[in-house]
Amino acid sequence: MIRTNRRTGPTHPGRFRPLLRDDRGAATAEYAVATLAAVGFAGLLVVIMRSDEVRQMLTDVVRTALTLPG
């Protein structure tokens, strides 16, 4: 028998409750999403770093930062 809740719509008493409360694997899924995001960002950085203009700008920034005033 399907009951209806005014706020959430049709409810199935007890049928999905154990599935909704079981959070095993949630941390693993979060780590997987974060890892995929990090890999995507690293790939984007690799593409950007292959540009000669960007490489020259970063080299100039590092060289300027490491140069002693004098």
PDB file of N, CA and C in Angstrom:
ATOM      1  N   MET A   1       0.833  -1.172   0.000  1.00  0.00           N
ATOM      2  CA  MET A   1       0.000   0.000   0.000  1.00  0.00           C
ATOM      3  C   MET A   1       0.879   1.237   0.000  1.00  0.00           C
ATOM      4  N   ILE A   2       0.623   2.174  -0.857  1.00  0.00           N
ATOM      5  CA  ILE A   2       1.395   3.411  -0.953  1.00  0.00           C
ATOM      6  C   ILE A   2       0.634   4.525  -0.264  1.00  0.00           C
ATOM      7  N   ARG A   3       1.290   5.114   0.721  1.00  0.00           N
ATOM      8  CA  ARG A   3       0.704   6.264   1.399  1.00  0.00           C
ATOM      9  C   ARG A   3       1.252   7.531   0.770  1.00  0.00           C
ATOM     10  N   THR A   4       0.548   8.622   0.929  1.00  0.00           N
ATOM     11  CA  THR A   4       0.986   9.893   0.372  1.00  0.00           C
ATOM     12  C   THR A   4       1.264  10.869   1.500  1.00  0.00           C
ATOM     13  N   ASN A   5       2.419  11.464   1.437  1.00  0.00           N
ATOM     14  CA  ASN A   5       2.805  12.495   2.383  1.00  0.00           C
ATOM     15  C   ASN A   5       2.598  13.837   1.687  1.00  0.00           C
ATOM     16  N   ARG A   6       1.970  14.793   2.351  1.00  0.00           N
ATOM     17  CA  ARG A   6       1.661  16.078   1.702  1.00  0.00           C
ATOM     18  C   ARG A   6       2.917  16.812   1.246  1.00  0.00           C
ATOM     19  N   ARG A   7       4.005  16.712   1.996  1.00  0.00           N
ATOM     20  CA  ARG A   7       5.205  17.456   1.649  1.00  0.00           C
ATOM     21  C   ARG A   7       6.084  16.733   0.637  1.00  0.00           C
ATOM     22  N   THR A   8       6.212  15.437   0.732  1.00  0.00           N
ATOM     23  CA  THR A   8       7.181  14.730  -0.100  1.00  0.00           C
ATOM     24  C   THR A   8       6.559  13.860  -1.178  1.00  0.00           C
ATOM     25  N   GLY A   9       5.270  13.701  -1.201  1.00  0.00           N
ATOM     26  CA  GLY A   9       4.630  12.875  -2.217  1.00  0.00           C
ATOM     27  C   GLY A   9       4.466  11.446  -1.740  1.00  0.00           C
ATOM     28  N   PRO A  10       4.378  10.477  -2.672  1.00  0.00           N
ATOM     29  CA  PRO A  10       4.134   9.082  -2.297  1.00  0.00           C
ATOM     30  C   PRO A  10       5.283   8.511  -1.468  1.00  0.00           C
ATOM     31  N   THR A  11       4.924   7.751  -0.437  1.00  0.00           N
ATOM     32  CA  THR A  11       5.943   7.104   0.386  1.00  0.00           C
ATOM     33  C   THR A  11       5.672   5.615   0.416  1.00  0.00           C
ATOM     34  N   HIS A  12       6.727   4.858   0.539  1.00  0.00           N
ATOM     35  CA  HIS A  12       6.639   3.403   0.653  1.00  0.00           C
ATOM     36  C   HIS A  12       7.118   3.056   2.046  1.00  0.00           C
ATOM     37  N   PRO A  13       6.216   2.697   2.937  1.00  0.00           N
ATOM     38  CA  PRO A  13       6.608   2.505   4.338  1.00  0.00           C
ATOM     39  C   PRO A  13       7.650   1.404   4.494  1.00  0.00           C
ATOM     40  N   GLY A  14       8.814   1.803   4.980  1.00  0.00           N
ATOM     41  CA  GLY A  14       9.845   0.838   5.308  1.00  0.00           C
ATOM     42  C   GLY A  14      10.596   0.231   4.147  1.00  0.00           C
ATOM     43  N   ARG A  15      10.184   0.449   2.940  1.00  0.00           N
ATOM     44  CA  ARG A  15      10.801  -0.225   1.796  1.00  0.00           C
ATOM     45  C   ARG A  15      12.203   0.311   1.494  1.00  0.00           C
ATOM     46  N   PHE A  16      12.363   1.634   1.448  1.00  0.00           N
ATOM     47  CA  PHE A  16      13.646   2.220   1.091  1.00  0.00           C
ATOM     48  C   PHE A  16      14.411   2.759   2.301  1.00  0.00           C
ATOM     49  N   ARG A  17      13.797   2.704   3.453  1.00  0.00           N
ATOM     50  CA  ARG A  17      14.428   3.270   4.648  1.00  0.00           C
ATOM     51  C   ARG A  17      15.798   2.659   4.936  1.00  0.00           C
ATOM     52  N   PRO A  18      15.988   1.350   4.877  1.00  0.00           N
ATOM     53  CA  PRO A  18      17.335   0.809   5.133  1.00  0.00           C
ATOM     54  C   PRO A  18      18.353   1.275   4.096  1.00  0.00           C
ATOM     55  N   LEU A  19      17.941   1.444   2.863  1.00  0.00           N
ATOM     56  CA  LEU A  19      18.868   1.897   1.827  1.00  0.00           C
ATOM     57  C   LEU A  19      19.281   3.341   2.045  1.00  0.00           C
ATOM     58  N   LEU A  20      18.370   4.174   2.514  1.00  0.00           N
ATOM     59  CA  LEU A  20      18.680   5.577   2.719  1.00  0.00           C
ATOM     60  C   LEU A  20      19.555   5.802   3.939  1.00  0.00           C
ATOM     61  N   ARG A  21      19.446   4.947   4.914  1.00  0.00           N
ATOM     62  CA  ARG A  21      20.245   5.107   6.128  1.00  0.00           C
ATOM     63  C   ARG A  21      21.628   4.487   6.001  1.00  0.00           C
ATOM     64  N   ASP A  22      21.821   3.579   5.090  1.00  0.00           N
ATOM     65  CA  ASP A  22      23.095   2.899   4.926  1.00  0.00           C
ATOM     66  C   ASP A  22      24.028   3.784   4.115  1.00  0.00           C
ATOM     67  N   ASP A  23      25.075   4.311   4.749  1.00  0.00           N
ATOM     68  CA  ASP A  23      25.986   5.199   4.043  1.00  0.00           C
ATOM     69  C   ASP A  23      27.352   4.551   3.800  1.00  0.00           C
ATOM     70  N   ARG A  24      27.390   3.215   3.824  1.00  0.00           N
ATOM     71  CA  ARG A  24      28.646   2.549   3.506  1.00  0.00           C
ATOM     72  C   ARG A  24      29.028   2.859   2.072  1.00  0.00           C
ATOM     73  N   GLY A  25      30.279   3.178   1.860  1.00  0.00           N
ATOM     74  CA  GLY A  25      30.762   3.497   0.523  1.00  0.00           C
ATOM     75  C   GLY A  25      30.647   4.958   0.175  1.00  0.00           C
ATOM     76  N   ALA A  26      30.034   5.767   1.021  1.00  0.00           N
ATOM     77  CA  ALA A  26      29.879   7.192   0.712  1.00  0.00           C
ATOM     78  C   ALA A  26      31.224   7.891   0.683  1.00  0.00           C
ATOM     79  N   ALA A  27      32.095   7.569   1.633  1.00  0.00           N
ATOM     80  CA  ALA A  27      33.417   8.197   1.663  1.00  0.00           C
ATOM     81  C   ALA A  27      34.227   7.781   0.441  1.00  0.00           C
ATOM     82  N   THR A  28      34.111   6.530   0.044  1.00  0.00           N
ATOM     83  CA  THR A  28      34.821   6.059  -1.138  1.00  0.00           C
ATOM     84  C   THR A  28      34.362   6.802  -2.384  1.00  0.00           C
ATOM     85  N   ALA A  29      33.080   7.022  -2.509  1.00  0.00           N
ATOM     86  CA  ALA A  29      32.558   7.762  -3.657  1.00  0.00           C
ATOM     87  C   ALA A  29      33.042   9.206  -3.635  1.00  0.00           C
ATOM     88  N   GLU A  30      33.102   9.808  -2.448  1.00  0.00           N
ATOM     89  CA  GLU A  30      33.598  11.178  -2.348  1.00  0.00           C
ATOM     90  C   GLU A  30      35.068  11.254  -2.750  1.00  0.00           C
ATOM     91  N   TYR A  31      35.878  10.279  -2.310  1.00  0.00           N
ATOM     92  CA  TYR A  31      37.280  10.249  -2.710  1.00  0.00           C
ATOM     93  C   TYR A  31      37.412  10.063  -4.217  1.00  0.00           C
ATOM     94  N   ALA A  32      36.572   9.241  -4.801  1.00  0.00           N
ATOM     95  CA  ALA A  32      36.635   9.016  -6.247  1.00  0.00           C
ATOM     96  C   ALA A  32      36.311  10.296  -7.009  1.00  0.00           C
ATOM     97  N   VAL A  33      35.308  11.028  -6.581  1.00  0.00           N
ATOM     98  CA  VAL A  33      34.950  12.285  -7.247  1.00  0.00           C
ATOM     99  C   VAL A  33      36.070  13.301  -7.090  1.00  0.00           C
ATOM    100  N   ALA A  34      36.646  13.404  -5.895  1.00  0.00           N
ATOM    101  CA  ALA A  34      37.738  14.342  -5.670  1.00  0.00           C
ATOM    102  C   ALA A  34      38.964  13.967  -6.494  1.00  0.00           C
ATOM    103  N   THR A  35      39.234  12.669  -6.618  1.00  0.00           N
ATOM    104  CA  THR A  35      40.371  12.221  -7.424  1.00  0.00           C
ATOM    105  C   THR A  35      40.161  12.545  -8.896  1.00  0.00           C
ATOM    106  N   LEU A  36      38.957  12.319  -9.391  1.00  0.00           N
ATOM    107  CA  LEU A  36      38.677  12.651 -10.792  1.00  0.00           C
ATOM    108  C   LEU A  36      38.804  14.149 -11.044  1.00  0.00           C
ATOM    109  N   ALA A  37      38.355  14.959 -10.104  1.00  0.00           N
ATOM    110  CA  ALA A  37      38.487  16.411 -10.250  1.00  0.00           C
ATOM    111  C   ALA A  37      39.958  16.815 -10.263  1.00  0.00           C
ATOM    112  N   ALA A  38      40.762  16.201  -9.397  1.00  0.00           N
ATOM    113  CA  ALA A  38      42.188  16.518  -9.346  1.00  0.00           C
ATOM    114  C   ALA A  38      42.893  16.104 -10.635  1.00  0.00           C
ATOM    115  N   VAL A  39      42.534  14.959 -11.170  1.00  0.00           N
ATOM    116  CA  VAL A  39      43.141  14.496 -12.425  1.00  0.00           C
ATOM    117  C   VAL A  39      42.752  15.429 -13.572  1.00  0.00           C
ATOM    118  N   GLY A  40      41.493  15.852 -13.594  1.00  0.00           N
ATOM    119  CA  GLY A  40      41.064  16.799 -14.629  1.00  0.00           C
ATOM    120  C   GLY A  40      41.797  18.120 -14.525  1.00  0.00           C
ATOM    121  N   PHE A  41      41.981  18.624 -13.300  1.00  0.00           N
ATOM    122  CA  PHE A  41      42.713  19.876 -13.107  1.00  0.00           C
ATOM    123  C   PHE A  41      44.174  19.719 -13.509  1.00  0.00           C
ATOM    124  N   ALA A  42      44.787  18.587 -13.173  1.00  0.00           N
ATOM    125  CA  ALA A  42      46.176  18.339 -13.566  1.00  0.00           C
ATOM    126  C   ALA A  42      46.307  18.282 -15.082  1.00  0.00           C
ATOM    127  N   GLY A  43      45.344  17.654 -15.749  1.00  0.00           N
ATOM    128  CA  GLY A  43      45.371  17.621 -17.216  1.00  0.00           C
ATOM    129  C   GLY A  43      45.263  19.007 -17.815  1.00  0.00           C
ATOM    130  N   LEU A  44      44.423  19.834 -17.234  1.00  0.00           N
ATOM    131  CA  LEU A  44      44.297  21.212 -17.700  1.00  0.00           C
ATOM    132  C   LEU A  44      45.609  21.976 -17.509  1.00  0.00           C
ATOM    133  N   LEU A  45      46.263  21.773 -16.363  1.00  0.00           N
ATOM    134  CA  LEU A  45      47.550  22.431 -16.136  1.00  0.00           C
ATOM    135  C   LEU A  45      48.613  21.966 -17.128  1.00  0.00           C
ATOM    136  N   VAL A  46      48.602  20.694 -17.479  1.00  0.00           N
ATOM    137  CA  VAL A  46      49.563  20.184 -18.462  1.00  0.00           C
ATOM    138  C   VAL A  46      49.347  20.862 -19.808  1.00  0.00           C
ATOM    139  N   VAL A  47      48.094  21.001 -20.207  1.00  0.00           N
ATOM    140  CA  VAL A  47      47.797  21.656 -21.485  1.00  0.00           C
ATOM    141  C   VAL A  47      48.249  23.115 -21.457  1.00  0.00           C
ATOM    142  N   ILE A  48      47.996  23.792 -20.347  1.00  0.00           N
ATOM    143  CA  ILE A  48      48.393  25.200 -20.237  1.00  0.00           C
ATOM    144  C   ILE A  48      49.917  25.333 -20.223  1.00  0.00           C
ATOM    145  N   MET A  49      50.597  24.441 -19.508  1.00  0.00           N
ATOM    146  CA  MET A  49      52.054  24.550 -19.386  1.00  0.00           C
ATOM    147  C   MET A  49      52.780  24.244 -20.691  1.00  0.00           C
ATOM    148  N   ARG A  50      52.134  23.602 -21.620  1.00  0.00           N
ATOM    149  CA  ARG A  50      52.778  23.327 -22.908  1.00  0.00           C
ATOM    150  C   ARG A  50      52.847  24.568 -23.786  1.00  0.00           C
ATOM    151  N   SER A  51      52.138  25.603 -23.422  1.00  0.00           N
ATOM    152  CA  SER A  51      52.164  26.846 -24.175  1.00  0.00           C
ATOM    153  C   SER A  51      53.478  27.574 -23.903  1.00  0.00           C
ATOM    154  N   ASP A  52      54.164  28.003 -24.961  1.00  0.00           N
ATOM    155  CA  ASP A  52      55.444  28.690 -24.811  1.00  0.00           C
ATOM    156  C   ASP A  52      55.289  30.020 -24.081  1.00  0.00           C
ATOM    157  N   GLU A  53      54.200  30.740 -24.343  1.00  0.00           N
ATOM    158  CA  GLU A  53      53.997  32.032 -23.696  1.00  0.00           C
ATOM    159  C   GLU A  53      53.838  31.875 -22.188  1.00  0.00           C
ATOM    160  N   VAL A  54      53.046  30.915 -21.782  1.00  0.00           N
ATOM    161  CA  VAL A  54      52.818  30.688 -20.357  1.00  0.00           C
ATOM    162  C   VAL A  54      54.108  30.226 -19.693  1.00  0.00           C
ATOM    163  N   ARG A  55      54.822  29.340 -20.334  1.00  0.00           N
ATOM    164  CA  ARG A  55      56.082  28.857 -19.783  1.00  0.00           C
ATOM    165  C   ARG A  55      57.066  30.011 -19.601  1.00  0.00           C
ATOM    166  N   GLN A  56      57.152  30.913 -20.566  1.00  0.00           N
ATOM    167  CA  GLN A  56      58.055  32.055 -20.467  1.00  0.00           C
ATOM    168  C   GLN A  56      57.635  32.996 -19.336  1.00  0.00           C
ATOM    169  N   MET A  57      56.320  33.241 -19.195  1.00  0.00           N
ATOM    170  CA  MET A  57      55.845  34.111 -18.119  1.00  0.00           C
ATOM    171  C   MET A  57      56.180  33.513 -16.752  1.00  0.00           C
ATOM    172  N   LEU A  58      55.956  32.221 -16.572  1.00  0.00           N
ATOM    173  CA  LEU A  58      56.263  31.585 -15.292  1.00  0.00           C
ATOM    174  C   LEU A  58      57.763  31.573 -15.011  1.00  0.00           C
ATOM    175  N   THR A  59      58.557  31.363 -16.036  1.00  0.00           N
ATOM    176  CA  THR A  59      60.008  31.406 -15.866  1.00  0.00           C
ATOM    177  C   THR A  59      60.453  32.799 -15.442  1.00  0.00           C
ATOM    178  N   ASP A  60      59.879  33.827 -16.041  1.00  0.00           N
ATOM    179  CA  ASP A  60      60.214  35.202 -15.661  1.00  0.00           C
ATOM    180  C   ASP A  60      59.812  35.502 -14.225  1.00  0.00           C
ATOM    181  N   VAL A  61      58.634  35.017 -13.808  1.00  0.00           N
ATOM    182  CA  VAL A  61      58.178  35.243 -12.431  1.00  0.00           C
ATOM    183  C   VAL A  61      59.132  34.575 -11.447  1.00  0.00           C
ATOM    184  N   VAL A  62      59.517  33.338 -11.716  1.00  0.00           N
ATOM    185  CA  VAL A  62      60.430  32.624 -10.818  1.00  0.00           C
ATOM    186  C   VAL A  62      61.794  33.292 -10.801  1.00  0.00           C
ATOM    187  N   ARG A  63      62.280  33.671 -11.966  1.00  0.00           N
ATOM    188  CA  ARG A  63      63.588  34.325 -12.045  1.00  0.00           C
ATOM    189  C   ARG A  63      63.581  35.645 -11.273  1.00  0.00           C
ATOM    190  N   THR A  64      62.518  36.426 -11.392  1.00  0.00           N
ATOM    191  CA  THR A  64      62.402  37.692 -10.683  1.00  0.00           C
ATOM    192  C   THR A  64      62.319  37.455  -9.169  1.00  0.00           C
ATOM    193  N   ALA A  65      61.597  36.439  -8.766  1.00  0.00           N
ATOM    194  CA  ALA A  65      61.450  36.151  -7.339  1.00  0.00           C
ATOM    195  C   ALA A  65      62.759  35.683  -6.719  1.00  0.00           C
ATOM    196  N   LEU A  66      63.591  35.003  -7.475  1.00  0.00           N
ATOM    197  CA  LEU A  66      64.848  34.475  -6.946  1.00  0.00           C
ATOM    198  C   LEU A  66      66.026  35.419  -7.094  1.00  0.00           C
ATOM    199  N   THR A  67      65.842  36.527  -7.796  1.00  0.00           N
ATOM    200  CA  THR A  67      66.922  37.495  -7.989  1.00  0.00           C
ATOM    201  C   THR A  67      67.065  38.362  -6.753  1.00  0.00           C
ATOM    202  N   LEU A  68      68.280  38.471  -6.287  1.00  0.00           N
ATOM    203  CA  LEU A  68      68.558  39.311  -5.124  1.00  0.00           C
ATOM    204  C   LEU A  68      68.631  40.777  -5.550  1.00  0.00           C
ATOM    205  N   PRO A  69      67.996  41.660  -4.772  1.00  0.00           N
ATOM    206  CA  PRO A  69      68.097  43.089  -5.120  1.00  0.00           C
ATOM    207  C   PRO A  69      69.529  43.585  -4.884  1.00  0.00           C
ATOM    208  N   GLY A  70      69.967  44.417  -5.747  1.00  0.00           N
ATOM    209  CA  GLY A  70      71.331  44.875  -5.508  1.00  0.00           C
ATOM    210  C   GLY A  70      71.783  45.796  -6.487  1.00  0.00           C
TER     211      GLY A  70
END
